[in-house]
């Protein structure tokens, strides 16, 4: 990968180029899948256990959860790629750094305000808060704001090192660092923090290796400046290499994931065990498993977005706008469904207790086919608003629009 300075000639040539539909289509696909996972979180009648718990799950539920594992890595990776492409369209390093810093801090603020109060919690009781995917993207952008002054190959190399080596430290406990153990939770292990008595913060998305994923995505952007046929070849080969590396390391079963796979009750569940990689924080194998196939899909989409996939381009062009709308919509519908069926829904306004999430009625929730129908309805309902906003962004150039 070449330093950004070395690609300035390409950058000038690509200044007037439109956005890459393949990138928007892939981002849109994972945004749609993300809504499936969040719909299941609020509507499923199988919320009492982890859907990847092989002792309790069933194939449809496992795969419903597993396919959504692609969302966060692809979203984070393409955020880095988008940063590189914005530089290739004419942003200077200082302009890009300033944008990444301010947008990153804006995302962190959104996570702790709108997303917390109007998305996940439906309350203003800050005795409980979470730092999850938008939090991690925000802080990763802040980190990338400093890294963009380095050559692109250095940024990509640093990201690869973070991804490849962070599992070496899985056995290091936060207590090792004494009073600074909270930093280890923020950056590596995740977990519950109690900054003050009675206040709890969950570091759900540790920043390492997510910062590395965004850094590698930034370096990956240089491949997308290559000539079309050469670019596709690179994408196919890179995606295939990552898939092969995942299969090899997972089969060896020694390094790359804290959860070893093991023989199960049948061949299918043994295969599920093979796929059941650690997400919090994302292991090396988890990232290989998700990013490898995603890059292959990107290569396929680079041939042109199929007509039946054209609608997902809309979601891919306004991902944050979509994200900020879809959780309140899902949560609000869950309240309405619960009030209609049970006559009350106070659990949807309560913070989790020390013992876990609020208790649900014994007969709460719906079967997986109903969850899928609700998910489809939610995506269809969001489409007109997202299309409108995408058109606004296309015809207007106010700076504030780039923050949504």
Protein backbone atom coordinates (compact mmCIF):
# COMPACT_ATOMS: atom_id res chain seq x y z
CA UNK A 1 0.00 0.00 0.00
CA UNK A 2 1.36 3.40 -0.95
CA UNK A 3 1.62 6.46 1.28
CA UNK A 4 -1.14 8.98 0.82
CA UNK A 5 1.34 11.45 -0.68
CA UNK A 6 2.19 8.91 -3.34
CA UNK A 7 -1.44 8.67 -4.37
CA UNK A 8 -2.00 12.40 -4.82
CA UNK A 9 -1.98 12.02 -8.60
CA UNK A 10 -4.70 9.42 -8.35
CA UNK A 11 -6.49 11.59 -5.82
CA UNK A 12 -6.65 14.52 -8.23
CA UNK A 13 -7.98 12.28 -10.97
CA UNK A 14 -10.62 10.80 -8.64
CA UNK A 15 -11.69 14.13 -7.16
CA UNK A 16 -14.79 14.33 -9.32
CA UNK A 17 -15.61 10.63 -9.18
CA UNK A 18 -18.90 9.65 -7.57
CA UNK A 19 -19.04 7.45 -4.51
CA UNK A 20 -18.25 3.78 -5.07
CA UNK A 21 -21.58 1.97 -5.26
CA UNK A 22 -19.93 -1.28 -4.18
CA UNK A 23 -18.86 0.24 -0.85
CA UNK A 24 -22.29 1.77 -0.25
CA UNK A 25 -24.03 -1.49 -1.19
CA UNK A 26 -21.93 -3.56 1.21
CA UNK A 27 -22.45 -1.02 3.99
CA UNK A 28 -26.18 -0.98 3.26
CA UNK A 29 -26.38 -4.77 3.43
CA UNK A 30 -24.83 -4.90 6.88
CA UNK A 31 -27.08 -2.06 8.07
CA UNK A 32 -30.12 -4.11 7.07
CA UNK A 33 -28.71 -7.18 8.85
CA UNK A 34 -28.02 -5.08 11.94
CA UNK A 35 -31.72 -4.25 12.19
CA UNK A 36 -32.46 -7.98 12.25
CA UNK A 37 -30.26 -8.48 15.30
CA UNK A 38 -31.78 -5.53 17.13
CA UNK A 39 -35.30 -6.62 16.23
CA UNK A 40 -34.53 -10.01 17.72
CA UNK A 41 -33.20 -8.29 20.86
CA UNK A 42 -36.57 -6.65 21.46
CA UNK A 43 -39.12 -9.10 20.05
CA UNK A 44 -37.82 -12.67 20.35
CA UNK A 45 -39.35 -15.16 22.76
CA UNK A 46 -35.89 -16.70 23.16
CA UNK A 47 -34.13 -13.93 25.06
CA UNK A 48 -33.31 -15.89 28.21
CA UNK A 49 -30.13 -17.35 26.73
CA UNK A 50 -27.35 -16.44 24.31
CA UNK A 51 -28.40 -17.56 20.79
CA UNK A 52 -24.84 -18.81 20.22
CA UNK A 53 -25.00 -21.06 23.31
CA UNK A 54 -24.73 -24.43 21.57
CA UNK A 55 -26.25 -26.25 24.53
CA UNK A 56 -29.54 -24.34 24.19
CA UNK A 57 -29.83 -22.82 20.73
CA UNK A 58 -31.25 -24.24 17.51
CA UNK A 59 -29.92 -23.82 13.95
CA UNK A 60 -32.24 -21.02 12.81
CA UNK A 61 -31.60 -18.95 15.94
CA UNK A 62 -27.83 -19.52 15.85
CA UNK A 63 -27.59 -18.50 12.19
CA UNK A 64 -29.83 -15.47 12.76
CA UNK A 65 -27.37 -14.25 15.35
CA UNK A 66 -24.23 -15.42 13.54
CA UNK A 67 -24.96 -13.66 10.24
CA UNK A 68 -25.25 -10.34 12.08
CA UNK A 69 -21.67 -10.74 13.32
CA UNK A 70 -20.69 -9.20 10.01
CA UNK A 71 -22.23 -5.85 10.88
CA UNK A 72 -19.80 -4.23 13.32
CA UNK A 73 -16.54 -5.31 11.61
CA UNK A 74 -17.70 -4.25 8.16
CA UNK A 75 -19.12 -0.97 9.44
CA UNK A 76 -15.87 -0.19 11.28
CA UNK A 77 -13.66 -1.32 8.38
CA UNK A 78 -15.58 0.73 5.82
CA UNK A 79 -15.50 3.77 8.09
CA UNK A 80 -11.72 3.68 7.70
CA UNK A 81 -12.04 3.09 3.97
CA UNK A 82 -14.42 6.03 3.67
CA UNK A 83 -11.91 8.24 5.47
CA UNK A 84 -9.22 7.33 2.95
CA UNK A 85 -11.53 7.89 -0.02
CA UNK A 86 -12.54 11.31 1.30
CA UNK A 87 -8.85 12.23 1.26
CA UNK A 88 -8.56 10.83 -2.26
CA UNK A 89 -11.40 13.14 -3.30
CA UNK A 90 -9.46 16.20 -2.23
CA UNK A 91 -9.33 16.60 1.57
CA UNK A 92 -5.91 17.57 2.89
CA UNK A 93 -4.44 15.62 5.80
CA UNK A 94 -5.23 18.50 8.18
CA UNK A 95 -8.82 18.74 6.93
CA UNK A 96 -9.28 14.99 7.22
CA UNK A 97 -7.76 14.90 10.71
CA UNK A 98 -9.99 17.73 11.89
CA UNK A 99 -13.07 16.03 10.44
CA UNK A 100 -12.23 12.65 12.00
CA UNK A 101 -11.59 14.26 15.39
CA UNK A 102 -14.81 16.27 15.46
CA UNK A 103 -16.98 13.54 13.97
CA UNK A 104 -15.51 10.96 16.32
CA UNK A 105 -16.28 13.07 19.39
CA UNK A 106 -19.75 13.75 17.98
CA UNK A 107 -20.37 9.98 17.68
CA UNK A 108 -19.28 9.42 21.29
CA UNK A 109 -21.68 12.16 22.38
CA UNK A 110 -24.50 10.60 20.36
CA UNK A 111 -23.83 7.21 21.95
CA UNK A 112 -24.16 8.67 25.43
CA UNK A 113 -27.20 10.86 24.68
CA UNK A 114 -29.59 10.13 21.81
CA UNK A 115 -28.71 6.45 21.38
CA UNK A 116 -28.75 5.78 25.11
CA UNK A 117 -31.86 7.76 26.07
CA UNK A 118 -34.01 7.44 22.95
CA UNK A 119 -32.65 4.16 21.66
CA UNK A 120 -31.68 1.48 24.11
CA UNK A 121 -32.88 2.69 27.51
CA UNK A 122 -35.90 4.99 27.01
CA UNK A 123 -34.99 6.91 30.16
CA UNK A 124 -32.66 9.65 31.42
CA UNK A 125 -31.43 7.70 34.44
CA UNK A 126 -27.67 7.89 33.99
CA UNK A 127 -26.98 5.45 36.80
CA UNK A 128 -26.41 3.09 33.86
CA UNK A 129 -24.79 3.69 30.46
CA UNK A 130 -23.02 1.68 27.76
CA UNK A 131 -20.23 2.23 25.31
CA UNK A 132 -21.00 0.05 22.32
CA UNK A 133 -20.55 0.22 18.56
CA UNK A 134 -20.98 3.97 17.91
CA UNK A 135 -18.79 4.68 20.95
CA UNK A 136 -16.07 2.44 19.49
CA UNK A 137 -16.36 3.98 16.03
CA UNK A 138 -16.14 7.45 17.53
CA UNK A 139 -12.98 6.81 19.55
CA UNK A 140 -11.45 4.90 16.62
CA UNK A 141 -11.98 8.00 14.47
CA UNK A 142 -10.32 10.11 17.13
CA UNK A 143 -7.32 7.75 17.04
CA UNK A 144 -7.28 7.77 13.22
CA UNK A 145 -7.31 11.58 13.30
CA UNK A 146 -3.78 11.39 14.68
CA UNK A 147 -2.65 8.48 12.51
CA UNK A 148 -3.53 10.07 9.15
CA UNK A 149 -0.31 12.06 9.20
CA UNK A 150 1.65 8.81 8.84
CA UNK A 151 2.24 7.02 5.53
CA UNK A 152 -0.68 4.77 4.61
CA UNK A 153 1.42 1.60 4.83
CA UNK A 154 2.40 2.48 8.40
CA UNK A 155 -1.22 3.01 9.38
CA UNK A 156 -2.23 -0.30 7.84
CA UNK A 157 0.70 -2.12 9.45
CA UNK A 158 -0.14 -0.72 12.88
CA UNK A 159 -3.73 -1.86 12.45
CA UNK A 160 -2.67 -5.34 11.38
CA UNK A 161 -0.36 -5.66 14.38
CA UNK A 162 -3.18 -4.66 16.74
CA UNK A 163 -5.55 -7.21 15.19
CA UNK A 164 -3.00 -10.04 15.05
CA UNK A 165 -1.49 -9.68 18.51
CA UNK A 166 -4.19 -8.47 20.89
CA UNK A 167 -5.25 -12.02 21.76
CA UNK A 168 -1.80 -12.53 23.31
CA UNK A 169 -3.07 -10.43 26.22
CA UNK A 170 -6.38 -12.22 26.80
CA UNK A 171 -5.21 -13.67 30.11
CA UNK A 172 -4.18 -10.27 31.50
CA UNK A 173 -6.82 -9.24 34.04
CA UNK A 174 -7.77 -5.59 34.71
CA UNK A 175 -6.78 -6.08 38.34
CA UNK A 176 -3.17 -6.38 37.18
CA UNK A 177 -3.16 -2.63 36.69
CA UNK A 178 -4.61 -1.71 40.06
CA UNK A 179 -6.46 1.60 40.03
CA UNK A 180 -5.86 1.90 36.29
CA UNK A 181 -7.67 -1.38 35.62
CA UNK A 182 -10.61 0.61 34.19
CA UNK A 183 -8.38 1.64 31.29
CA UNK A 184 -7.68 -2.00 30.48
CA UNK A 185 -11.43 -2.61 30.34
CA UNK A 186 -11.90 0.36 28.03
CA UNK A 187 -9.08 -0.65 25.70
CA UNK A 188 -8.90 -4.43 25.82
CA UNK A 189 -11.05 -6.65 27.99
CA UNK A 190 -14.34 -4.78 28.25
CA UNK A 191 -16.63 -5.18 31.21
CA UNK A 192 -18.41 -3.27 33.94
CA UNK A 193 -16.98 -0.07 35.40
CA UNK A 194 -18.28 1.64 38.53
CA UNK A 195 -16.92 5.21 38.32
CA UNK A 196 -18.96 6.29 41.38
CA UNK A 197 -21.09 4.47 43.87
CA UNK A 198 -24.37 3.50 42.25
CA UNK A 199 -23.23 4.38 38.72
CA UNK A 200 -22.38 1.70 36.19
CA UNK A 201 -20.81 1.92 32.75
CA UNK A 202 -20.44 -1.10 30.46
CA UNK A 203 -17.46 -1.01 28.09
CA UNK A 204 -19.14 -3.28 25.56
CA UNK A 205 -16.79 -2.59 22.66
CA UNK A 206 -13.16 -2.43 23.85
CA UNK A 207 -11.22 -0.07 21.62
CA UNK A 208 -8.52 -2.59 20.75
CA UNK A 209 -8.67 -4.07 18.16
CA UNK A 210 -11.46 -1.86 16.76
CA UNK A 211 -8.99 0.99 16.26
CA UNK A 212 -6.87 -1.49 14.31
CA UNK A 213 -9.85 -2.52 12.15
CA UNK A 214 -10.48 1.09 11.17
CA UNK A 215 -6.77 1.65 10.51
CA UNK A 216 -6.63 -1.40 8.22
CA UNK A 217 -9.79 -0.20 6.49
CA UNK A 218 -8.05 3.11 5.88
CA UNK A 219 -5.11 1.35 4.26
CA UNK A 220 -7.48 -0.87 2.30
CA UNK A 221 -8.89 2.26 0.66
CA UNK A 222 -5.74 2.59 -1.46
CA UNK A 223 -6.70 -0.63 -3.27
CA UNK A 224 -9.94 0.98 -4.38
CA UNK A 225 -8.02 3.61 -6.37
CA UNK A 226 -6.63 0.96 -8.69
CA UNK A 227 -7.97 0.29 -12.16
CA UNK A 228 -11.26 -1.64 -12.07
CA UNK A 229 -10.15 -5.10 -13.22
CA UNK A 230 -6.95 -4.95 -11.17
CA UNK A 231 -8.96 -3.84 -8.14
CA UNK A 232 -11.35 -6.79 -8.42
CA UNK A 233 -8.44 -9.22 -8.67
CA UNK A 234 -6.87 -7.74 -5.54
CA UNK A 235 -10.17 -7.88 -3.65
CA UNK A 236 -10.86 -11.51 -4.56
CA UNK A 237 -7.35 -12.60 -3.65
CA UNK A 238 -7.30 -10.69 -0.38
CA UNK A 239 -10.73 -11.95 0.66
CA UNK A 240 -9.80 -15.53 -0.22
CA UNK A 241 -6.53 -15.22 1.70
CA UNK A 242 -8.31 -14.05 4.84
CA UNK A 243 -10.87 -16.88 4.59
CA UNK A 244 -8.10 -19.46 4.14
CA UNK A 245 -6.19 -18.00 7.07
CA UNK A 246 -9.31 -18.20 9.23
CA UNK A 247 -9.92 -21.86 8.34
CA UNK A 248 -6.28 -22.79 8.95
CA UNK A 249 -5.92 -21.02 12.32
CA UNK A 250 -9.33 -22.16 13.53
CA UNK A 251 -8.57 -25.75 12.57
CA UNK A 252 -5.26 -25.63 14.47
CA UNK A 253 -7.28 -24.38 17.47
CA UNK A 254 -4.33 -22.90 19.34
CA UNK A 255 -4.29 -19.14 18.84
CA UNK A 256 -6.60 -16.41 17.64
CA UNK A 257 -9.70 -16.91 19.75
CA UNK A 258 -10.19 -17.48 23.49
CA UNK A 259 -13.08 -19.88 22.75
CA UNK A 260 -11.79 -23.14 21.30
CA UNK A 261 -14.07 -25.10 19.01
CA UNK A 262 -14.92 -28.67 19.98
CA UNK A 263 -16.93 -31.70 18.73
CA UNK A 264 -20.64 -31.34 19.43
CA UNK A 265 -23.71 -33.57 19.34
CA UNK A 266 -23.72 -33.71 15.53
CA UNK A 267 -21.80 -32.48 12.49
CA UNK A 268 -23.90 -29.33 12.10
CA UNK A 269 -23.35 -28.19 15.68
CA UNK A 270 -19.65 -29.02 15.41
CA UNK A 271 -19.59 -26.69 12.41
CA UNK A 272 -21.38 -24.08 14.51
CA UNK A 273 -18.72 -24.49 17.18
CA UNK A 274 -16.09 -23.87 14.50
CA UNK A 275 -17.87 -20.63 13.51
CA UNK A 276 -18.65 -19.52 17.05
CA UNK A 277 -15.84 -17.00 17.51
CA UNK A 278 -15.47 -14.46 20.28
CA UNK A 279 -16.96 -11.01 19.63
CA UNK A 280 -16.51 -9.03 22.87
CA UNK A 281 -13.75 -8.09 22.21
CA UNK A 282 -13.50 -9.33 18.62
CA UNK A 283 -10.85 -11.99 18.31
CA UNK A 284 -8.41 -12.30 15.43
CA UNK A 285 -10.42 -15.24 14.09
CA UNK A 286 -13.71 -13.38 14.45
CA UNK A 287 -12.33 -10.59 12.27
CA UNK A 288 -10.87 -12.96 9.70
CA UNK A 289 -14.18 -14.84 9.55
CA UNK A 290 -16.18 -11.66 8.92
CA UNK A 291 -13.88 -9.43 6.90
CA UNK A 292 -12.64 -12.11 4.50
CA UNK A 293 -16.06 -13.00 3.03
CA UNK A 294 -17.08 -9.32 3.13
CA UNK A 295 -14.16 -8.35 0.89
CA UNK A 296 -15.15 -11.12 -1.54
CA UNK A 297 -18.70 -9.75 -1.57
CA UNK A 298 -17.28 -6.28 -2.19
CA UNK A 299 -15.41 -7.66 -5.21
CA UNK A 300 -18.66 -9.15 -6.54
CA UNK A 301 -20.53 -5.89 -5.97
CA UNK A 302 -17.75 -4.05 -7.78
CA UNK A 303 -19.06 -5.57 -11.00
CA UNK A 304 -22.23 -3.55 -10.50
CA UNK A 305 -25.03 -3.57 -7.94
CA UNK A 306 -27.77 -6.03 -8.96
CA UNK A 307 -31.14 -4.39 -9.53
CA UNK A 308 -32.70 -6.22 -6.59
CA UNK A 309 -30.02 -4.78 -4.30
CA UNK A 310 -30.35 -1.17 -5.46
CA UNK A 311 -32.48 -0.17 -2.41
CA UNK A 312 -29.67 -1.04 0.02
CA UNK A 313 -27.53 1.65 -1.63
CA UNK A 314 -29.81 4.20 0.07
CA UNK A 315 -29.06 2.79 3.52
CA UNK A 316 -25.35 2.59 2.72
CA UNK A 317 -25.23 6.28 1.83
CA UNK A 318 -26.82 7.46 5.08
CA UNK A 319 -25.68 4.83 7.62
CA UNK A 320 -25.62 7.04 10.71
CA UNK A 321 -29.02 8.56 9.93
CA UNK A 322 -30.39 5.02 9.56
CA UNK A 323 -28.75 3.91 12.81
CA UNK A 324 -30.11 6.84 14.80
CA UNK A 325 -33.65 6.08 13.61
CA UNK A 326 -33.80 2.30 13.67
CA UNK A 327 -33.22 1.64 17.38
CA UNK A 328 -35.87 4.12 18.63
CA UNK A 329 -38.28 2.70 16.03
CA UNK A 330 -37.65 -0.91 17.10
CA UNK A 331 -37.81 -0.02 20.79
CA UNK A 332 -40.97 2.05 20.36
CA UNK A 333 -42.71 -0.73 18.43
CA UNK A 334 -41.72 -3.22 21.14
CA UNK A 335 -43.42 -0.99 23.72
CA UNK A 336 -46.58 -0.82 21.61
CA UNK A 337 -46.62 -4.59 21.04
CA UNK A 338 -46.10 -5.24 24.75
CA UNK A 339 -48.86 -2.82 25.79
CA UNK A 340 -51.24 -4.41 23.31
CA UNK A 341 -50.44 -7.95 24.41
CA UNK A 342 -49.67 -7.54 28.12
CA UNK A 343 -51.25 -4.22 29.00
CA UNK A 344 -47.96 -2.77 30.28
CA UNK A 345 -44.29 -2.47 29.24
CA UNK A 346 -42.39 -0.96 32.16
CA UNK A 347 -39.42 -3.26 31.55
CA UNK A 348 -38.67 -1.34 28.36
CA UNK A 349 -38.04 1.83 30.38
CA UNK A 350 -35.89 0.33 33.13
CA UNK A 351 -32.12 0.11 33.46
CA UNK A 352 -30.59 -3.35 33.87
CA UNK A 353 -30.05 -4.35 37.48
CA UNK A 354 -26.85 -5.79 38.90
CA UNK A 355 -28.37 -9.21 38.16
CA UNK A 356 -28.99 -8.55 34.50
CA UNK A 357 -31.65 -7.06 32.21
CA UNK A 358 -35.16 -6.24 33.48
CA UNK A 359 -37.41 -9.25 33.94
CA UNK A 360 -39.81 -10.00 31.10
CA UNK A 361 -43.21 -11.72 31.40
CA UNK A 362 -42.93 -15.48 31.08
CA UNK A 363 -44.94 -15.47 27.85
CA UNK A 364 -43.18 -12.45 26.32
CA UNK A 365 -42.02 -12.38 22.74
CA UNK A 366 -42.63 -13.95 19.38
CA UNK A 367 -41.30 -16.84 17.34
CA UNK A 368 -38.47 -16.31 14.89
CA UNK A 369 -40.71 -16.10 11.76
CA UNK A 370 -42.67 -13.27 13.38
CA UNK A 371 -39.40 -11.54 14.31
CA UNK A 372 -38.35 -11.71 10.66
CA UNK A 373 -41.66 -10.21 9.52
CA UNK A 374 -41.30 -7.33 12.00
CA UNK A 375 -37.71 -6.79 10.83
CA UNK A 376 -38.80 -6.57 7.19
CA UNK A 377 -41.53 -4.10 8.14
CA UNK A 378 -39.02 -1.92 10.02
CA UNK A 379 -36.58 -1.83 7.09
CA UNK A 380 -39.39 -0.94 4.67
CA UNK A 381 -40.62 1.79 7.01
CA UNK A 382 -37.14 3.34 7.19
CA UNK A 383 -36.56 3.34 3.45
CA UNK A 384 -38.56 6.49 2.48
CA UNK A 385 -36.93 8.61 5.20
CA UNK A 386 -33.45 7.37 4.33
CA UNK A 387 -34.05 7.94 0.62
CA UNK A 388 -35.19 11.48 1.32
CA UNK A 389 -32.11 12.22 3.42
CA UNK A 390 -29.78 10.62 0.86
CA UNK A 391 -31.24 12.96 -1.77
CA UNK A 392 -30.75 15.93 0.55
CA UNK A 393 -27.08 15.01 1.02
CA UNK A 394 -26.64 14.57 -2.71
CA UNK A 395 -27.95 18.02 -3.68
CA UNK A 396 -26.65 20.04 -0.73
CA UNK A 397 -23.13 20.54 0.54
CA UNK A 398 -23.50 22.07 4.00
CA UNK A 399 -20.75 20.81 6.33
CA UNK A 400 -23.16 19.66 9.05
CA UNK A 401 -24.66 17.05 6.71
CA UNK A 402 -21.38 15.12 6.78
CA UNK A 403 -21.94 14.54 10.50
CA UNK A 404 -25.12 12.57 9.82
